[in-house]
């Protein structure tokens, strides 16, 4: 943060050639890639709201909240001083300020309350919020994504949907019925199974109607101070989905015990935990034995958020690198004007904008899926493809952006270490690389129309760039018998993602960005394994100017 008139004239030297903090920057108005992606995907009507939110997320005050919330991580309070069981988590006030900022702006609710382009609006809000602080986006994303799952139980949805879609935040730990808004998380994975949720051992004992009591453990439960959780447990019919509130209907605390908080690599502002159910009250959501099917739409929506979150995380890192390079001089030139640095920044900007373009193309398909079967089919396959690729690209982008700062990016006073620690998360959340690659195969097997929809999207971009045309032609090798299998699924996902990114850029980006991406990523003679080593024909200066947050 900026301090008031710090001393620059010191006893041994003058403080000079140091960039000011990158703050009080409107994260929406200075992000041309985001603005174009929102507009081209149906969200132009939301520009005023996004500009106001972008100004808040880029403010010095909000960046300071993020610093404080991560510097002072959550603390588990298992018991009070008298020995009563609490199972509460205490947060720094800055965490609550960040939660209020995002939820009141509609990060969780806008997709379900906006008159048009709700998922595009939600995605843009999340993209901006994540640049303020990625940790708080976890409970916001889960609260957004539970709505489709809740609809499998109309009575439950009638009670809970208005709470989780409210544009408000109520941090009080009291029954949800007494709050103005609620947040919701999920607790799915267990120690013995991980991603193999059919191996879950948590047991559900039937009480009456749709009410059960659960007994078992959960290895990962993020944001344990949410008001309720979707979870999976075994009934006689098999794995079933339930909602577990933190409070029982009689107003007593539910038997939802937080065993410990995870000591995580990143996103330290948010609490993640291990929990146990000791006869915890729950209500069934969806049919018995159909728990996986019940949560699949929730998983799809959280995967959209992984894509958007990684795109926003890349943009945040590139913004910081651009800002530093524009304000720092070396060898009589601004860093941003040094040819080597220009190439690095341009390469990073291409990656970030390609991620943004595809993320919002997929968000548009979520908006259109209800009324357009072709869009629904596209959504079902493009989502895991993009989730696989874009989330994997984030750590490399953030690392290279950190290196652009030199040693200044390696100290904790910089935001770069926090960004770097958080960068791997989206690739792990909702299915790591192999899980996603196998899901891509399953999606194609279950619904061949999804592959046809994605291929049609790619084919529509023909004749715009010779390297893209060659790449599209080369994709045909994947559709020969036996070519696509578990061993080749990752390579297939990468090839398809690059083609989808190019197709998305064709519709949202100027020629120098579209051609630059195609030439740098799809020309086999000029591909590079490291950012900044591009030898392809790109207009690096124009690409950097477009991505720069400096007016």
Protein backbone atom coordinates (compact mmCIF):
# COMPACT_ATOMS: atom_id res chain seq x y z
CA UNK A 1 0.00 0.00 0.00
CA UNK A 2 1.06 3.63 -0.44
CA UNK A 3 2.30 5.27 2.75
CA UNK A 4 1.97 8.99 3.34
CA UNK A 5 5.11 10.84 2.24
CA UNK A 6 7.79 8.26 3.12
CA UNK A 7 11.34 9.56 3.31
CA UNK A 8 13.32 9.24 0.07
CA UNK A 9 16.37 11.29 1.07
CA UNK A 10 18.23 8.92 3.39
CA UNK A 11 21.59 9.25 5.11
CA UNK A 12 23.43 6.92 2.73
CA UNK A 13 21.44 7.25 -0.50
CA UNK A 14 18.35 8.59 -2.19
CA UNK A 15 15.50 6.19 -2.93
CA UNK A 16 15.05 6.34 -6.69
CA UNK A 17 13.99 4.18 -9.62
CA UNK A 18 11.46 2.29 -7.49
CA UNK A 19 7.99 1.68 -8.98
CA UNK A 20 4.99 2.90 -7.02
CA UNK A 21 2.49 0.24 -5.89
CA UNK A 22 0.12 -0.93 -8.60
CA UNK A 23 -3.02 0.20 -6.81
CA UNK A 24 -6.02 2.46 -7.32
CA UNK A 25 -6.18 0.98 -10.82
CA UNK A 26 -9.57 0.12 -12.29
CA UNK A 27 -9.13 -3.59 -13.02
CA UNK A 28 -11.99 -3.59 -15.53
CA UNK A 29 -11.40 -0.36 -17.43
CA UNK A 30 -7.66 -1.05 -17.86
CA UNK A 31 -8.20 -4.63 -19.05
CA UNK A 32 -9.05 -4.40 -22.74
CA UNK A 33 -9.08 -8.17 -23.14
CA UNK A 34 -11.70 -8.53 -20.40
CA UNK A 35 -13.83 -5.68 -21.70
CA UNK A 36 -13.86 -7.13 -25.21
CA UNK A 37 -14.58 -10.65 -23.96
CA UNK A 38 -17.51 -9.48 -21.85
CA UNK A 39 -18.96 -7.38 -24.66
CA UNK A 40 -18.57 -10.00 -27.40
CA UNK A 41 -20.17 -12.66 -25.22
CA UNK A 42 -23.34 -10.76 -24.43
CA UNK A 43 -22.41 -8.88 -21.27
CA UNK A 44 -22.21 -5.29 -22.55
CA UNK A 45 -25.19 -4.26 -20.40
CA UNK A 46 -23.13 -5.01 -17.28
CA UNK A 47 -20.21 -2.72 -18.13
CA UNK A 48 -21.16 0.05 -15.68
CA UNK A 49 -21.49 -2.40 -12.78
CA UNK A 50 -18.21 -4.08 -13.70
CA UNK A 51 -16.39 -0.75 -13.97
CA UNK A 52 -17.51 0.20 -10.48
CA UNK A 53 -16.52 -3.20 -9.11
CA UNK A 54 -13.20 -3.12 -10.96
CA UNK A 55 -12.38 0.21 -9.33
CA UNK A 56 -13.05 -1.22 -5.87
CA UNK A 57 -11.11 -4.43 -6.48
CA UNK A 58 -8.11 -2.44 -7.71
CA UNK A 59 -8.18 0.07 -4.89
CA UNK A 60 -5.40 0.45 -2.35
CA UNK A 61 -7.89 -0.23 0.43
CA UNK A 62 -8.99 -3.60 -0.96
CA UNK A 63 -5.42 -4.68 -1.72
CA UNK A 64 -4.60 -3.89 1.89
CA UNK A 65 -7.53 -6.03 3.04
CA UNK A 66 -6.08 -8.90 0.99
CA UNK A 67 -2.65 -8.45 2.53
CA UNK A 68 -4.09 -8.45 6.04
CA UNK A 69 -6.37 -11.43 5.45
CA UNK A 70 -3.47 -13.52 4.16
CA UNK A 71 -1.04 -12.31 6.80
CA UNK A 72 -3.52 -13.27 9.53
CA UNK A 73 -4.95 -16.64 8.47
CA UNK A 74 -8.07 -18.21 9.99
CA UNK A 75 -7.91 -19.86 13.40
CA UNK A 76 -9.89 -22.90 14.55
CA UNK A 77 -11.83 -22.46 17.76
CA UNK A 78 -12.92 -25.95 18.79
CA UNK A 79 -14.13 -25.08 22.29
CA UNK A 80 -14.98 -22.04 24.35
CA UNK A 81 -13.21 -21.27 27.62
CA UNK A 82 -15.67 -23.42 29.55
CA UNK A 83 -15.28 -26.52 27.39
CA UNK A 84 -18.41 -26.19 25.27
CA UNK A 85 -17.91 -27.49 21.75
CA UNK A 86 -17.96 -24.70 19.11
CA UNK A 87 -16.35 -25.87 15.86
CA UNK A 88 -16.02 -22.29 14.69
CA UNK A 89 -13.37 -20.55 12.63
CA UNK A 90 -12.24 -17.03 13.48
CA UNK A 91 -11.19 -14.73 10.63
CA UNK A 92 -9.41 -11.42 10.51
CA UNK A 93 -11.84 -8.52 9.90
CA UNK A 94 -10.28 -8.00 6.46
CA UNK A 95 -11.59 -11.41 5.38
CA UNK A 96 -15.14 -10.36 6.17
CA UNK A 97 -14.63 -7.07 4.34
CA UNK A 98 -13.51 -8.98 1.23
CA UNK A 99 -16.43 -11.38 1.50
CA UNK A 100 -18.87 -8.51 1.84
CA UNK A 101 -17.34 -6.75 -1.16
CA UNK A 102 -17.73 -9.74 -3.46
CA UNK A 103 -21.03 -11.19 -2.30
CA UNK A 104 -22.76 -7.81 -2.16
CA UNK A 105 -21.60 -7.15 -5.73
CA UNK A 106 -23.16 -10.43 -6.87
CA UNK A 107 -20.20 -12.74 -7.36
CA UNK A 108 -22.32 -15.68 -6.16
CA UNK A 109 -25.83 -14.49 -6.97
CA UNK A 110 -25.59 -12.59 -10.26
CA UNK A 111 -25.65 -15.65 -12.49
CA UNK A 112 -29.07 -16.52 -11.12
CA UNK A 113 -30.56 -13.04 -10.70
CA UNK A 114 -29.35 -11.07 -13.74
CA UNK A 115 -31.86 -10.53 -16.54
CA UNK A 116 -29.29 -11.40 -19.21
CA UNK A 117 -25.81 -12.87 -19.54
CA UNK A 118 -25.80 -13.90 -15.90
CA UNK A 119 -22.93 -16.36 -16.14
CA UNK A 120 -20.84 -13.89 -18.13
CA UNK A 121 -21.49 -11.30 -15.42
CA UNK A 122 -20.68 -13.78 -12.67
CA UNK A 123 -17.47 -14.76 -14.45
CA UNK A 124 -16.36 -11.16 -14.85
CA UNK A 125 -17.05 -10.41 -11.20
CA UNK A 126 -15.12 -13.50 -10.11
CA UNK A 127 -12.26 -12.64 -12.49
CA UNK A 128 -11.96 -9.21 -10.84
CA UNK A 129 -12.49 -10.45 -7.28
CA UNK A 130 -9.73 -13.00 -7.67
CA UNK A 131 -7.26 -10.26 -8.49
CA UNK A 132 -8.10 -8.66 -5.16
CA UNK A 133 -7.82 -11.97 -3.29
CA UNK A 134 -8.13 -15.49 -4.60
CA UNK A 135 -8.83 -17.13 -1.26
CA UNK A 136 -12.27 -15.64 -0.69
CA UNK A 137 -13.31 -16.69 -4.19
CA UNK A 138 -13.52 -20.30 -2.99
CA UNK A 139 -16.66 -19.91 -0.82
CA UNK A 140 -18.10 -17.47 -3.35
CA UNK A 141 -17.65 -19.98 -6.16
CA UNK A 142 -19.17 -22.86 -4.21
CA UNK A 143 -22.12 -20.71 -3.18
CA UNK A 144 -22.70 -19.90 -6.86
CA UNK A 145 -22.32 -23.46 -8.06
CA UNK A 146 -24.68 -25.20 -5.60
CA UNK A 147 -27.84 -23.80 -7.20
CA UNK A 148 -28.17 -26.44 -9.99
CA UNK A 149 -27.68 -29.24 -7.46
CA UNK A 150 -30.26 -27.77 -5.06
CA UNK A 151 -32.83 -27.85 -7.85
CA UNK A 152 -32.82 -31.65 -7.62
CA UNK A 153 -34.75 -31.18 -4.36
CA UNK A 154 -37.45 -28.51 -4.90
CA UNK A 155 -38.27 -28.16 -1.20
CA UNK A 156 -34.60 -27.69 -0.33
CA UNK A 157 -34.13 -25.25 -3.22
CA UNK A 158 -37.14 -23.20 -2.12
CA UNK A 159 -35.55 -22.76 1.29
CA UNK A 160 -31.89 -22.34 0.37
CA UNK A 161 -31.71 -20.83 -3.13
CA UNK A 162 -32.91 -17.35 -2.06
CA UNK A 163 -30.28 -17.33 0.68
CA UNK A 164 -27.32 -18.25 -1.52
CA UNK A 165 -28.33 -15.95 -4.39
CA UNK A 166 -28.87 -12.89 -2.19
CA UNK A 167 -26.50 -10.02 -2.98
CA UNK A 168 -25.40 -9.72 0.64
CA UNK A 169 -23.03 -11.17 3.22
CA UNK A 170 -23.96 -12.09 6.77
CA UNK A 171 -20.95 -13.38 8.75
CA UNK A 172 -22.88 -14.28 11.91
CA UNK A 173 -22.73 -17.90 13.01
CA UNK A 174 -26.44 -18.38 13.62
CA UNK A 175 -29.14 -20.50 11.93
CA UNK A 176 -29.49 -19.60 8.26
CA UNK A 177 -33.19 -18.84 8.65
CA UNK A 178 -32.23 -15.85 10.81
CA UNK A 179 -29.69 -14.43 8.33
CA UNK A 180 -30.08 -12.07 5.39
CA UNK A 181 -27.85 -14.26 3.20
CA UNK A 182 -26.01 -17.56 3.37
CA UNK A 183 -22.93 -19.21 1.92
CA UNK A 184 -22.59 -22.87 1.04
CA UNK A 185 -19.65 -25.18 0.62
CA UNK A 186 -19.04 -28.80 -0.19
CA UNK A 187 -17.44 -31.78 1.50
CA UNK A 188 -16.96 -34.67 -0.90
CA UNK A 189 -13.52 -36.29 -0.77
CA UNK A 190 -12.31 -38.78 1.81
CA UNK A 191 -8.86 -40.09 2.69
CA UNK A 192 -9.17 -43.48 1.09
CA UNK A 193 -10.66 -42.35 -2.22
CA UNK A 194 -9.80 -38.75 -3.08
CA UNK A 195 -11.29 -38.15 -6.51
CA UNK A 196 -12.84 -41.62 -6.45
CA UNK A 197 -15.91 -40.50 -4.55
CA UNK A 198 -17.67 -43.82 -5.09
CA UNK A 199 -15.19 -45.18 -2.54
CA UNK A 200 -16.66 -42.93 0.16
CA UNK A 201 -17.45 -44.62 3.48
CA UNK A 202 -19.59 -41.94 5.17
CA UNK A 203 -22.91 -43.56 6.06
CA UNK A 204 -26.39 -42.00 5.98
CA UNK A 205 -29.01 -43.38 8.38
CA UNK A 206 -32.60 -42.61 7.39
CA UNK A 207 -34.77 -40.76 9.92
CA UNK A 208 -37.97 -39.76 8.14
CA UNK A 209 -38.93 -38.47 4.67
CA UNK A 210 -35.82 -36.74 3.23
CA UNK A 211 -34.05 -36.44 6.61
CA UNK A 212 -30.98 -38.48 7.54
CA UNK A 213 -28.11 -38.54 10.00
CA UNK A 214 -24.57 -38.86 8.66
CA UNK A 215 -21.54 -40.49 10.25
CA UNK A 216 -18.10 -40.35 8.70
CA UNK A 217 -15.16 -38.14 7.80
CA UNK A 218 -14.26 -35.77 4.98
CA UNK A 219 -10.63 -35.19 4.04
CA UNK A 220 -11.24 -31.81 2.38
CA UNK A 221 -13.95 -29.37 3.38
CA UNK A 222 -13.23 -25.85 2.22
CA UNK A 223 -14.67 -22.78 3.95
CA UNK A 224 -16.04 -24.67 6.99
CA UNK A 225 -17.77 -21.55 8.30
CA UNK A 226 -20.32 -21.70 5.49
CA UNK A 227 -23.93 -22.14 6.54
CA UNK A 228 -24.42 -25.50 4.84
CA UNK A 229 -22.57 -28.06 2.76
CA UNK A 230 -23.36 -30.42 -0.05
CA UNK A 231 -21.84 -33.78 0.77
CA UNK A 232 -21.93 -37.41 -0.32
CA UNK A 233 -22.75 -40.42 1.82
CA UNK A 234 -23.72 -44.05 1.33
CA UNK A 235 -27.30 -45.27 1.64
CA UNK A 236 -28.56 -48.76 0.82
CA UNK A 237 -29.04 -47.52 -2.75
CA UNK A 238 -25.47 -46.21 -3.07
CA UNK A 239 -23.74 -42.83 -3.06
CA UNK A 240 -26.29 -40.10 -2.38
CA UNK A 241 -26.11 -36.31 -2.15
CA UNK A 242 -27.14 -34.45 1.01
CA UNK A 243 -27.21 -30.93 2.36
CA UNK A 244 -25.73 -30.62 5.85
CA UNK A 245 -26.55 -27.34 7.64
CA UNK A 246 -24.39 -26.11 10.49
CA UNK A 247 -27.54 -25.89 12.64
CA UNK A 248 -30.27 -28.47 13.23
CA UNK A 249 -33.95 -27.56 12.77
CA UNK A 250 -34.40 -27.27 16.55
CA UNK A 251 -31.78 -24.49 16.68
CA UNK A 252 -28.96 -26.58 18.18
CA UNK A 253 -25.52 -26.95 16.63
CA UNK A 254 -25.26 -29.79 14.18
CA UNK A 255 -22.74 -32.57 14.80
CA UNK A 256 -20.36 -31.11 12.22
CA UNK A 257 -16.95 -31.33 13.87
CA UNK A 258 -13.91 -29.51 12.47
CA UNK A 259 -10.96 -31.73 13.26
CA UNK A 260 -8.26 -29.38 12.01
CA UNK A 261 -7.57 -26.65 9.47
CA UNK A 262 -5.28 -27.44 6.55
CA UNK A 263 -1.87 -25.76 6.52
CA UNK A 264 -1.99 -24.83 2.84
CA UNK A 265 0.52 -23.67 0.26
CA UNK A 266 -1.61 -20.70 -0.77
CA UNK A 267 -5.00 -18.99 -0.52
CA UNK A 268 -4.33 -18.61 3.18
CA UNK A 269 -7.10 -16.09 3.74
CA UNK A 270 -9.60 -18.92 3.33
CA UNK A 271 -9.97 -21.85 5.69
CA UNK A 272 -9.85 -25.43 4.45
CA UNK A 273 -10.45 -28.25 6.86
CA UNK A 274 -10.91 -31.88 7.73
CA UNK A 275 -14.28 -32.63 9.29
CA UNK A 276 -16.25 -35.47 10.81
CA UNK A 277 -19.97 -36.08 11.00
CA UNK A 278 -21.11 -37.60 14.28
CA UNK A 279 -24.76 -38.24 13.52
CA UNK A 280 -25.04 -34.93 11.68
CA UNK A 281 -28.50 -33.88 10.53
CA UNK A 282 -28.86 -33.82 6.74
CA UNK A 283 -31.50 -33.67 4.03
CA UNK A 284 -31.33 -35.67 0.85
CA UNK A 285 -30.82 -33.80 -2.42
CA UNK A 286 -31.82 -35.80 -5.46
CA UNK A 287 -32.50 -39.51 -5.75
CA UNK A 288 -30.92 -42.11 -3.48
CA UNK A 289 -27.95 -43.73 -5.15
CA UNK A 290 -27.70 -40.90 -7.71
CA UNK A 291 -25.40 -38.62 -5.78
CA UNK A 292 -22.76 -38.32 -8.47
CA UNK A 293 -25.38 -37.37 -11.04
CA UNK A 294 -26.86 -34.85 -8.61
CA UNK A 295 -23.60 -32.97 -8.12
CA UNK A 296 -22.37 -33.12 -11.70
CA UNK A 297 -23.88 -29.75 -12.63
CA UNK A 298 -22.31 -28.21 -9.55
CA UNK A 299 -18.96 -29.64 -10.60
CA UNK A 300 -19.40 -28.21 -14.09
CA UNK A 301 -20.06 -24.74 -12.68
CA UNK A 302 -17.09 -24.86 -10.32
CA UNK A 303 -14.93 -25.93 -13.26
CA UNK A 304 -16.03 -22.81 -15.09
CA UNK A 305 -14.84 -20.86 -12.07
CA UNK A 306 -11.49 -22.66 -12.12
CA UNK A 307 -11.06 -21.54 -15.73
CA UNK A 308 -12.11 -17.96 -15.01
CA UNK A 309 -10.06 -17.86 -11.81
CA UNK A 310 -6.91 -18.95 -13.64
CA UNK A 311 -7.51 -16.44 -16.42
CA UNK A 312 -7.94 -13.69 -13.83
CA UNK A 313 -4.90 -14.91 -11.91
CA UNK A 314 -2.79 -14.70 -15.06
CA UNK A 315 -4.08 -11.22 -15.77
CA UNK A 316 -3.27 -10.08 -12.24
CA UNK A 317 0.30 -11.35 -12.52
CA UNK A 318 0.80 -9.85 -15.98
CA UNK A 319 -0.62 -6.54 -14.78
CA UNK A 320 1.92 -6.43 -11.95
CA UNK A 321 4.78 -7.29 -14.31
CA UNK A 322 3.68 -4.65 -16.84
CA UNK A 323 3.39 -2.04 -14.10
CA UNK A 324 6.85 -2.81 -12.71
CA UNK A 325 8.45 -2.78 -16.15
CA UNK A 326 6.79 0.51 -17.07
CA UNK A 327 8.14 2.26 -13.96
CA UNK A 328 11.59 0.72 -13.60
CA UNK A 329 14.67 1.83 -15.56
CA UNK A 330 17.74 -0.24 -16.41
CA UNK A 331 20.58 0.68 -18.76
CA UNK A 332 19.03 4.06 -19.60
CA UNK A 333 15.69 2.58 -20.72
CA UNK A 334 12.43 1.66 -19.09
CA UNK A 335 12.34 -2.11 -18.67
CA UNK A 336 9.22 -2.29 -20.78
CA UNK A 337 11.15 -0.77 -23.70
CA UNK A 338 14.01 -3.27 -23.53
CA UNK A 339 13.51 -5.72 -26.44
CA UNK A 340 14.04 -8.82 -24.30
CA UNK A 341 11.52 -7.65 -21.72
CA UNK A 342 9.07 -6.55 -24.40
CA UNK A 343 9.12 -10.08 -25.80
CA UNK A 344 8.54 -11.63 -22.38
CA UNK A 345 5.65 -9.32 -21.57
CA UNK A 346 4.07 -9.79 -25.00
CA UNK A 347 4.26 -13.57 -24.67
CA UNK A 348 2.67 -13.44 -21.22
CA UNK A 349 -0.03 -11.07 -22.48
CA UNK A 350 -0.88 -13.46 -25.32
CA UNK A 351 -1.31 -16.31 -22.85
CA UNK A 352 -3.47 -14.28 -20.49
CA UNK A 353 -5.71 -12.91 -23.22
CA UNK A 354 -6.17 -16.32 -24.85
CA UNK A 355 -7.24 -17.71 -21.48
CA UNK A 356 -9.67 -14.83 -20.97
CA UNK A 357 -11.19 -15.13 -24.43
CA UNK A 358 -11.90 -18.84 -24.04
CA UNK A 359 -13.13 -18.49 -20.45
CA UNK A 360 -15.81 -16.02 -21.48
CA UNK A 361 -16.76 -17.97 -24.58
CA UNK A 362 -17.50 -20.87 -22.27
CA UNK A 363 -19.36 -18.60 -19.83
CA UNK A 364 -21.60 -17.58 -22.73
CA UNK A 365 -22.37 -21.21 -23.42
CA UNK A 366 -23.56 -21.59 -19.82
CA UNK A 367 -25.97 -18.72 -20.43
CA UNK A 368 -27.22 -20.21 -23.70
CA UNK A 369 -27.32 -23.87 -22.71
CA UNK A 370 -30.90 -23.86 -21.44
CA UNK A 371 -32.36 -22.87 -24.81
CA UNK A 372 -29.72 -24.03 -27.29
CA UNK A 373 -28.75 -27.69 -27.41
CA UNK A 374 -25.70 -26.99 -29.56
CA UNK A 375 -24.41 -24.56 -26.93
CA UNK A 376 -25.19 -27.08 -24.19
CA UNK A 377 -23.21 -29.74 -26.04
CA UNK A 378 -20.31 -27.32 -26.57
CA UNK A 379 -20.35 -26.41 -22.88
CA UNK A 380 -20.16 -30.03 -21.71
CA UNK A 381 -16.90 -30.75 -23.54
CA UNK A 382 -15.25 -27.33 -23.86
CA UNK A 383 -15.43 -26.84 -20.09
CA UNK A 384 -13.16 -29.75 -19.10
CA UNK A 385 -10.85 -29.08 -22.06
CA UNK A 386 -10.36 -25.47 -20.98
CA UNK A 387 -10.17 -26.42 -17.32
CA UNK A 388 -7.35 -28.83 -18.09
CA UNK A 389 -5.28 -26.42 -20.16
CA UNK A 390 -5.86 -22.93 -18.78
CA UNK A 391 -5.38 -23.97 -15.16
CA UNK A 392 -2.13 -25.70 -16.07
CA UNK A 393 -0.82 -22.55 -17.73
CA UNK A 394 -1.34 -20.28 -14.74
CA UNK A 395 1.69 -21.28 -12.60
CA UNK A 396 4.12 -20.72 -15.46
CA UNK A 397 2.68 -17.32 -16.27
CA UNK A 398 2.78 -16.22 -12.64
CA UNK A 399 6.34 -17.46 -12.22
CA UNK A 400 7.56 -15.57 -15.29
CA UNK A 401 5.73 -12.43 -14.17
CA UNK A 402 7.42 -12.76 -10.78
CA UNK A 403 10.80 -13.04 -12.45
CA UNK A 404 10.11 -9.81 -14.33
CA UNK A 405 10.37 -8.08 -10.94
CA UNK A 406 13.76 -9.57 -10.13
CA UNK A 407 14.40 -9.91 -6.41
CA UNK A 408 11.63 -7.43 -5.66
CA UNK A 409 9.11 -10.08 -6.69
CA UNK A 410 10.53 -12.64 -4.28
CA UNK A 411 9.86 -10.78 -1.05
CA UNK A 412 6.61 -11.07 0.85
CA UNK A 413 5.91 -7.32 0.72
CA UNK A 414 5.21 -7.87 -2.97
CA UNK A 415 1.91 -9.48 -4.00
CA UNK A 416 3.80 -11.86 -6.29
CA UNK A 417 4.61 -14.59 -3.72
CA UNK A 418 0.94 -14.77 -2.75
CA UNK A 419 -0.05 -15.05 -6.41
CA UNK A 420 2.61 -17.69 -7.00
CA UNK A 421 1.51 -19.85 -4.06
CA UNK A 422 -2.09 -19.71 -5.19
CA UNK A 423 -1.39 -20.43 -8.86
CA UNK A 424 -1.49 -24.27 -8.75
CA UNK A 425 -4.82 -24.51 -6.95
CA UNK A 426 -7.28 -24.33 -9.83
CA UNK A 427 -5.50 -27.18 -11.63
CA UNK A 428 -6.11 -29.36 -8.55
CA UNK A 429 -9.57 -28.21 -7.51
CA UNK A 430 -12.47 -30.13 -9.08
CA UNK A 431 -10.18 -32.67 -10.67
CA UNK A 432 -6.45 -32.58 -11.34
CA UNK A 433 -4.97 -33.16 -14.77
CA UNK A 434 -5.50 -36.89 -15.17
CA UNK A 435 -9.02 -36.77 -13.75
CA UNK A 436 -9.99 -34.00 -16.17
CA UNK A 437 -8.37 -35.75 -19.13
CA UNK A 438 -10.36 -38.90 -18.37
CA UNK A 439 -13.52 -36.84 -17.95
CA UNK A 440 -12.95 -35.48 -21.44
CA UNK A 441 -12.92 -39.04 -22.78
CA UNK A 442 -16.08 -39.86 -20.87
CA UNK A 443 -17.84 -36.75 -22.15
CA UNK A 444 -17.05 -37.71 -25.73
CA UNK A 445 -18.14 -41.29 -25.13
CA UNK A 446 -21.42 -40.36 -23.48
CA UNK A 447 -22.31 -37.58 -25.88
CA UNK A 448 -20.72 -37.60 -29.34
CA UNK A 449 -22.65 -34.38 -30.07
CA UNK A 450 -20.37 -32.54 -27.66
CA UNK A 451 -17.34 -33.37 -29.77
CA UNK A 452 -19.17 -32.31 -32.93
CA UNK A 453 -20.09 -28.98 -31.30
CA UNK A 454 -16.48 -28.29 -30.32
CA UNK A 455 -15.19 -29.30 -33.74
CA UNK A 456 -17.74 -26.99 -35.38
CA UNK A 457 -16.56 -24.11 -33.18
CA UNK A 458 -12.98 -24.71 -34.26
CA UNK A 459 -13.84 -25.22 -37.93
CA UNK A 460 -15.58 -21.85 -38.03
CA UNK A 461 -12.19 -20.21 -37.48
CA UNK A 462 -10.65 -21.59 -40.68
CA UNK A 463 -9.07 -19.27 -43.24
CA UNK A 464 -8.09 -16.64 -40.70
CA UNK A 465 -4.49 -17.74 -40.08
CA UNK A 466 -2.35 -20.27 -41.94
CA UNK A 467 -0.87 -21.79 -38.77
CA UNK A 468 -4.31 -22.21 -37.26
CA UNK A 469 -5.53 -23.87 -40.46
CA UNK A 470 -2.63 -26.31 -40.31
CA UNK A 471 -3.33 -27.02 -36.64
CA UNK A 472 -7.02 -27.67 -37.37
CA UNK A 473 -6.07 -30.07 -40.14
CA UNK A 474 -3.65 -31.86 -37.82
CA UNK A 475 -6.44 -32.37 -35.27
CA UNK A 476 -7.98 -34.94 -37.61
CA UNK A 477 -5.42 -37.49 -36.45
CA UNK A 478 -7.27 -37.67 -33.14
CA UNK A 479 -10.46 -38.90 -34.76
CA UNK A 480 -9.00 -42.03 -36.28
CA UNK A 481 -9.88 -45.35 -34.59
CA UNK A 482 -7.73 -45.99 -31.53
CA UNK A 483 -6.02 -42.60 -31.52
CA UNK A 484 -7.85 -41.25 -28.52
CA UNK A 485 -7.35 -43.22 -25.30
CA UNK A 486 -6.30 -42.76 -21.69
CA UNK A 487 -2.65 -42.50 -22.64
CA UNK A 488 -3.22 -39.76 -25.22
CA UNK A 489 -6.01 -37.83 -23.50
CA UNK A 490 -3.72 -35.09 -22.17
CA UNK A 491 -2.19 -34.40 -25.57
CA UNK A 492 -5.66 -34.31 -27.12
CA UNK A 493 -6.84 -31.80 -24.49
CA UNK A 494 -3.87 -29.54 -25.19
CA UNK A 495 -4.35 -29.59 -28.96
CA UNK A 496 -8.07 -28.90 -28.69
CA UNK A 497 -7.61 -26.15 -26.11
CA UNK A 498 -5.12 -24.27 -28.30
CA UNK A 499 -7.54 -24.41 -31.22
CA UNK A 500 -10.43 -23.24 -29.04
CA UNK A 501 -8.35 -20.36 -27.69
CA UNK A 502 -7.50 -19.23 -31.20
CA UNK A 503 -11.14 -19.47 -32.27
CA UNK A 504 -12.19 -17.40 -29.26
CA UNK A 505 -9.52 -14.76 -29.89
CA UNK A 506 -10.68 -14.40 -33.48
CA UNK A 507 -13.97 -13.03 -32.15
CA UNK A 508 -12.71 -10.85 -29.30
CA UNK A 509 -9.15 -9.68 -29.98
CA UNK A 510 -7.51 -7.39 -32.55
CA UNK A 511 -5.46 -8.88 -35.34
CA UNK A 512 -2.10 -8.44 -33.66
CA UNK A 513 -3.25 -10.56 -30.71
CA UNK A 514 -5.03 -13.25 -32.74
CA UNK A 515 -2.21 -13.59 -35.27
CA UNK A 516 0.40 -13.27 -32.54
CA UNK A 517 -1.14 -16.16 -30.61
CA UNK A 518 -1.49 -18.38 -33.68
CA UNK A 519 2.06 -17.63 -34.86
CA UNK A 520 3.63 -18.09 -31.43
CA UNK A 521 1.67 -21.15 -30.28
CA UNK A 522 0.75 -23.06 -33.46
CA UNK A 523 3.75 -22.66 -35.79
CA UNK A 524 5.91 -25.75 -35.10
CA UNK A 525 8.99 -23.90 -36.36
CA UNK A 526 8.67 -21.17 -33.75
CA UNK A 527 7.18 -22.82 -30.69
CA UNK A 528 9.08 -22.25 -27.46
CA UNK A 529 9.08 -24.07 -24.13
CA UNK A 530 9.75 -20.85 -22.22
CA UNK A 531 7.91 -17.54 -22.20
CA UNK A 532 9.79 -14.76 -23.96
CA UNK A 533 11.72 -16.97 -26.33
CA UNK A 534 9.26 -16.36 -29.16
CA UNK A 535 10.86 -16.16 -32.58
CA UNK A 536 7.57 -16.07 -34.47
CA UNK A 537 6.35 -12.99 -36.28
CA UNK A 538 4.44 -11.07 -33.59
CA UNK A 539 3.84 -7.36 -33.02
CA UNK A 540 5.22 -7.40 -29.50
CA UNK A 541 4.96 -3.65 -28.96
CA UNK A 542 1.27 -3.50 -29.91
CA UNK A 543 0.48 -6.54 -27.76
CA UNK A 544 2.20 -4.99 -24.74
CA UNK A 545 0.47 -1.65 -25.21
CA UNK A 546 -2.91 -3.38 -25.30
CA UNK A 547 -2.23 -5.31 -22.09
CA UNK A 548 -0.60 -2.47 -20.15
CA UNK A 549 -2.53 -1.10 -17.15
CA UNK A 550 -0.58 2.14 -17.41
CA UNK A 551 -2.65 4.93 -18.96
